[in-house]
Structure formats: structure tokens, C-alpha cells
Amino acid sequence: MQTQEVGIKANLKIILKSAAQQIDEVMVVAYGTAKKSSFTGSAATVKADKIEQRQVSNITGAMSGIVAGVQVTSSNSGGQPGVASKLRIRGVGSMAAGNEPLYVIDGVPFDGDLSTLNPSDIESTTVLKDAASNALYGARGANGVVLLTTKKGKIGDAVITLDAKWGTNSRAVPNYDVLKNPATYLEKAYEAIYNSVFGTSKYPTVEAAHKRLMPYFRLIVAVDWDTKYILFRPESI
């Protein structure tokens, strides 16, 4: 109950008010919710405020470095933006079978792509690590279970949140604009090709190198471009 202060009166009317339970004291487990003090399994919870601080495009990236025993690695997709990372709970469970944990969203197992799930819609994420915590899911939870609880509507005024990002990009090395005109380009191209072939066993003499270079120069079309502006102008991203 909440602590209250009352004045000194002849007759007192006292109404007890229940104390709101802090959300940090409650965690989502396989069979519902439980107090941290009474939960004996191995689990870790990430709340919505921590997820928002990470500024990630998928929920797996939010657990990188803040959940003990959880390893987050990049996928084999060449670092494509928005692609979900690989999640390993307490290492690799099998050399031949799959090692992905079981994802459960609001009590329903989820087998789809996590990159389609907006991290801003997640209220909390609970990672169940040991066998006691995963027993409800059987063999499907052999590699661990990730419980995702989505946000729900709250009583009160509507709140609209806008998150926008803007930036610019420009060349990192200013020396790239040394090509002022086609004549300079021909000179640099000649030096590059000449240095790559002259002195080798196939082109030991200057004459042999010149013979090798001539087909390249026949393909060059001189266009009077403002190279610095076209190739290296700053742009918004």
C-alpha cells in the first residue's frame, strides 16, 4: 500500500491505496509473467526504453552487447541494410542442425523475418536461456527462446512521435579531384597502364609496352565534363 499522511482530527477516514507495481519487478516467462524475485530460471529482459536508445533497424540488433550469453553476428547477406542478424544463445547448439532460437511474439511462435517487425512496437524482450525456462516449448526451444511483447493501447491522450534523420555525404579524400580535364585523365591512365606492364617478362621493352597501350587509347572518348562536380558533389542522404 502507498504511504499516506493525514492530519490530526477527531475522526479519521482512511482509504488504503494500492501501490503500483514497478514493471522492472515483473518479467515475461514461458507461462505468463512472474516476479524476478520468485523466478529461478536463467532469463534476461530488455525494456522498450533500452531498445529505443540503440537506434537499430531490427530487434536482434538491440540485444547486442546488453544481454549476457547472447551473441549477435552479421548475416551472410553482405551487410544489407535492415537484414536481421544471427542470434546465438549460449553458443552453438548443433553442428548440423539449426542454431536459431525460437521467437515467440505475444505467446505465438513466429517463423517469419524479424526485419519486418518494427522495433518501436516492442514493449519488452525476454531471452530464456536454460532448459528449465524453455521446458514449455520442448525441442523447439533447444537453442533458447526469445519472447517479444508488443506495445498495447493505454488510457489517455493520443501521442504522436516523429523520428526523422538527415545527413550529407561528400568525398573523404580531396585528392580525387586532380583530374581536371581529359588530357590529365589520359596522362594518368597512361602512367597506370605503363607501370603495370613495363618491365614484365611479357613486355620487357618500351616498344612492347607502347604496343600494349595503344588499343586502350583508341577506346577513350574525350568529353569535357566537370568531373569534380559530377562525381564528387555533396548530396543529401
Protein backbone atom coordinates (compact mmCIF):
# COMPACT_ATOMS: atom_id res chain seq x y z
CA MET A 1 0.00 0.00 0.00
CA GLN A 2 1.03 3.59 -0.56
CA THR A 3 2.32 5.67 2.35
CA GLN A 4 -0.09 8.49 3.22
CA GLU A 5 0.00 11.45 5.60
CA VAL A 6 -3.19 12.56 7.37
CA GLY A 7 -3.83 15.48 9.63
CA ILE A 8 -4.77 15.20 13.30
CA LYS A 9 -8.56 15.03 13.59
CA ALA A 10 -11.09 13.65 15.99
CA ASN A 11 -12.50 11.33 13.36
CA LEU A 12 -10.30 9.83 10.67
CA LYS A 13 -11.46 8.27 7.43
CA ILE A 14 -8.56 6.37 5.90
CA ILE A 15 -8.76 4.76 2.47
CA LEU A 16 -5.91 2.45 1.57
CA LYS A 17 -4.40 2.87 -1.89
CA SER A 18 -2.59 0.03 -3.57
CA ALA A 19 0.98 0.71 -4.67
CA ALA A 20 1.54 0.35 -8.41
CA GLN A 21 3.96 -2.47 -9.04
CA GLN A 22 7.09 -1.43 -10.90
CA ILE A 23 7.40 -3.04 -14.31
CA ASP A 24 11.04 -3.90 -13.62
CA GLU A 25 9.89 -6.30 -10.90
CA VAL A 26 7.82 -8.33 -13.38
CA MET A 27 9.18 -10.30 -16.31
CA VAL A 28 7.53 -12.27 -19.10
CA VAL A 29 8.23 -16.00 -18.94
CA ALA A 30 7.06 -19.01 -20.94
CA TYR A 31 3.83 -19.49 -18.98
CA GLY A 32 2.94 -15.81 -18.46
CA THR A 33 4.53 -13.30 -16.11
CA ALA A 34 6.45 -13.75 -12.88
CA LYS A 35 8.30 -11.67 -10.31
CA LYS A 36 12.04 -11.59 -10.67
CA SER A 37 12.43 -12.49 -7.01
CA SER A 38 10.47 -15.74 -7.45
CA PHE A 39 11.84 -16.73 -10.87
CA THR A 40 14.56 -19.38 -10.62
CA GLY A 41 15.45 -19.84 -14.30
CA SER A 42 18.02 -18.04 -16.41
CA ALA A 43 16.50 -15.14 -18.32
CA ALA A 44 17.24 -11.54 -19.27
CA THR A 45 14.81 -8.76 -20.16
CA VAL A 46 15.32 -5.72 -22.40
CA LYS A 47 12.74 -2.97 -21.99
CA ALA A 48 11.42 -0.57 -24.61
CA ASP A 49 13.49 2.39 -23.38
CA LYS A 50 16.74 0.50 -23.99
CA ILE A 51 15.58 -0.63 -27.42
CA GLU A 52 14.83 2.98 -28.39
CA GLN A 53 18.28 4.09 -27.25
CA ARG A 54 20.02 1.61 -29.56
CA GLN A 55 18.56 3.10 -32.78
CA VAL A 56 18.51 -0.23 -34.61
CA SER A 57 16.55 -1.33 -37.67
CA ASN A 58 15.73 -4.82 -36.33
CA ILE A 59 15.09 -6.23 -32.90
CA THR A 60 18.06 -8.62 -32.91
CA GLY A 61 20.50 -5.72 -33.06
CA ALA A 62 19.01 -4.27 -29.87
CA MET A 63 20.25 -7.27 -27.86
CA SER A 64 23.86 -6.93 -28.96
CA GLY A 65 26.15 -6.33 -26.01
CA ILE A 66 23.48 -5.91 -23.33
CA VAL A 67 22.25 -9.48 -22.78
CA ALA A 68 24.72 -11.87 -21.17
CA GLY A 69 25.24 -15.13 -23.03
CA VAL A 70 23.74 -13.80 -26.27
CA GLN A 71 25.93 -13.43 -29.34
CA VAL A 72 24.73 -11.29 -32.24
CA THR A 73 26.60 -11.67 -35.54
CA SER A 74 26.07 -10.28 -39.02
CA SER A 75 24.27 -12.47 -41.51
CA ASN A 76 25.74 -13.71 -44.80
CA SER A 77 23.80 -11.16 -46.83
CA GLY A 78 26.73 -8.83 -47.42
CA GLY A 79 25.67 -6.33 -44.80
CA GLN A 80 22.40 -5.42 -46.46
CA PRO A 81 20.53 -2.71 -44.51
CA GLY A 82 17.60 -3.94 -42.47
CA VAL A 83 18.56 -7.62 -42.63
CA ALA A 84 18.16 -9.37 -39.29
CA SER A 85 21.37 -10.53 -37.62
CA LYS A 86 22.06 -14.04 -36.41
CA LEU A 87 21.33 -14.66 -32.75
CA ARG A 88 23.09 -17.34 -30.72
CA ILE A 89 22.15 -18.05 -27.12
CA ARG A 90 24.98 -19.63 -25.12
CA GLY A 91 26.95 -20.59 -28.19
CA VAL A 92 26.29 -23.07 -30.99
CA GLY A 93 23.90 -25.84 -30.01
CA SER A 94 24.39 -28.13 -33.01
CA MET A 95 26.97 -28.58 -35.77
CA ALA A 96 24.47 -29.95 -38.30
CA ALA A 97 21.00 -28.76 -37.27
CA GLY A 98 19.79 -25.18 -36.97
CA ASN A 99 21.02 -22.89 -34.21
CA GLU A 100 18.38 -20.18 -34.37
CA PRO A 101 16.38 -19.62 -31.18
CA LEU A 102 12.61 -19.81 -31.09
CA TYR A 103 10.91 -16.42 -31.37
CA VAL A 104 7.55 -16.02 -29.67
CA ILE A 105 5.51 -12.83 -30.22
CA ASP A 106 2.72 -12.29 -27.68
CA GLY A 107 2.58 -16.02 -26.98
CA VAL A 108 2.55 -17.14 -30.62
CA PRO A 109 5.65 -18.77 -32.20
CA PHE A 110 6.98 -16.67 -35.08
CA ASP A 111 8.88 -18.17 -38.03
CA GLY A 112 8.92 -15.13 -40.32
CA ASP A 113 11.51 -12.45 -41.00
CA LEU A 114 12.24 -10.31 -37.93
CA SER A 115 13.24 -7.38 -40.13
CA THR A 116 9.53 -6.89 -40.86
CA LEU A 117 8.89 -6.19 -37.18
CA ASN A 118 9.24 -2.56 -36.13
CA PRO A 119 11.48 -2.27 -33.02
CA SER A 120 9.37 0.70 -31.87
CA ASP A 121 6.40 -1.67 -31.47
CA ILE A 122 8.22 -3.85 -28.91
CA GLU A 123 7.41 -3.28 -25.25
CA SER A 124 9.90 -5.80 -23.88
CA THR A 125 12.15 -8.64 -24.98
CA THR A 126 12.89 -11.60 -22.71
CA VAL A 127 15.60 -14.13 -23.54
CA LEU A 128 15.12 -17.56 -21.94
CA LYS A 129 18.46 -19.34 -21.81
CA ASP A 130 18.34 -22.54 -19.76
CA ALA A 131 16.38 -25.78 -20.06
CA ALA A 132 14.12 -25.01 -17.11
CA SER A 133 12.90 -21.78 -18.70
CA ASN A 134 12.44 -23.37 -22.14
CA ALA A 135 10.75 -26.59 -20.96
CA LEU A 136 7.30 -25.42 -22.10
CA TYR A 137 8.46 -25.27 -25.73
CA GLY A 138 10.15 -28.68 -25.81
CA ALA A 139 12.63 -29.39 -28.61
CA ARG A 140 11.74 -26.14 -30.40
CA GLY A 141 13.36 -24.24 -27.55
CA ALA A 142 16.59 -26.23 -27.59
CA ASN A 143 18.55 -23.18 -28.81
CA GLY A 144 16.84 -20.78 -26.45
CA VAL A 145 13.65 -18.75 -26.65
CA VAL A 146 13.16 -15.04 -27.32
CA LEU A 147 9.83 -13.72 -26.03
CA LEU A 148 8.69 -10.49 -27.68
CA THR A 149 5.87 -8.50 -26.09
CA THR A 150 4.36 -5.79 -28.27
CA LYS A 151 3.01 -2.48 -27.05
CA LYS A 152 -0.69 -2.07 -26.28
CA GLY A 153 -3.02 0.87 -26.15
CA LYS A 154 -3.05 2.98 -22.98
CA ILE A 155 -5.71 5.16 -21.44
CA GLY A 156 -5.11 8.85 -22.02
CA ASP A 157 -4.49 11.37 -24.76
CA ALA A 158 -3.11 10.25 -28.09
CA VAL A 159 0.62 10.79 -28.58
CA ILE A 160 2.31 11.09 -31.96
CA THR A 161 6.08 10.53 -32.14
CA LEU A 162 8.11 11.61 -35.16
CA ASP A 163 11.67 10.38 -35.63
CA ALA A 164 13.49 11.86 -38.63
CA LYS A 165 17.15 11.69 -39.66
CA TRP A 166 19.03 13.71 -42.27
CA GLY A 167 22.66 13.92 -43.32
CA THR A 168 25.06 14.67 -46.16
CA ASN A 169 27.82 12.76 -47.84
CA SER A 170 30.94 14.04 -49.53
CA ARG A 171 34.27 12.66 -50.68
CA ALA A 172 36.67 11.71 -47.90
CA VAL A 173 39.87 12.19 -49.93
CA PRO A 174 40.06 15.63 -51.61
CA ASN A 175 42.90 14.49 -53.89
CA TYR A 176 40.39 12.63 -56.01
CA ASP A 177 39.63 15.83 -57.93
CA VAL A 178 43.07 16.02 -59.58
CA LEU A 179 41.53 15.03 -62.94
CA LYS A 180 40.70 18.50 -64.23
CA ASN A 181 40.27 17.65 -67.91
CA PRO A 182 40.50 14.77 -70.44
CA ALA A 183 44.18 15.50 -71.11
CA THR A 184 45.02 14.91 -67.45
CA TYR A 185 42.99 11.71 -67.48
CA LEU A 186 44.93 10.40 -70.49
CA GLU A 187 48.20 11.18 -68.77
CA LYS A 188 47.25 9.37 -65.54
CA ALA A 189 45.77 6.43 -67.42
CA TYR A 190 48.96 6.08 -69.45
CA GLU A 191 51.09 6.07 -66.30
CA ALA A 192 48.88 3.46 -64.63
CA ILE A 193 48.85 1.07 -67.58
CA TYR A 194 52.51 1.65 -68.37
CA ASN A 195 53.62 0.89 -64.81
CA SER A 196 51.55 -2.29 -64.75
CA VAL A 197 53.08 -3.82 -67.91
CA PHE A 198 56.53 -2.36 -68.47
CA GLY A 199 59.41 -4.42 -67.17
CA THR A 200 57.49 -7.70 -67.06
CA SER A 201 58.58 -10.77 -68.95
CA LYS A 202 55.77 -10.27 -71.47
CA TYR A 203 56.59 -6.59 -72.16
CA PRO A 204 60.31 -6.18 -71.40
CA THR A 205 60.89 -3.14 -73.65
CA VAL A 206 59.31 0.29 -74.06
CA GLU A 207 58.19 -0.57 -77.60
CA ALA A 208 56.33 -3.65 -76.39
CA ALA A 209 54.62 -1.62 -73.67
CA HIS A 210 53.53 1.06 -76.18
CA LYS A 211 52.09 -1.63 -78.43
CA ARG A 212 50.11 -2.97 -75.48
CA LEU A 213 48.78 0.51 -74.56
CA MET A 214 47.55 1.72 -77.94
CA PRO A 215 44.24 -0.27 -78.02
CA TYR A 216 43.19 1.38 -74.75
CA PHE A 217 43.63 4.92 -76.07
CA ARG A 218 41.58 4.19 -79.19
CA LEU A 219 38.60 3.46 -76.90
CA ILE A 220 38.87 6.72 -74.92
CA VAL A 221 36.31 9.37 -75.85
CA ALA A 222 37.20 12.88 -74.73
CA VAL A 223 34.19 14.53 -73.07
CA ASP A 224 34.52 17.95 -71.47
CA TRP A 225 32.88 17.16 -68.13
CA ASP A 226 33.16 19.00 -64.87
CA THR A 227 34.46 15.86 -63.17
CA LYS A 228 34.71 17.38 -59.72
CA TYR A 229 31.08 18.48 -59.74
CA ILE A 230 29.57 15.37 -61.29
CA LEU A 231 31.45 12.70 -59.34
CA PHE A 232 32.21 14.33 -56.02
CA ARG A 233 29.45 16.84 -55.32
CA PRO A 234 27.91 16.62 -51.81
CA GLU A 235 24.44 15.09 -51.68
CA SER A 236 21.77 14.59 -49.07
CA ILE A 237 21.08 11.10 -47.75
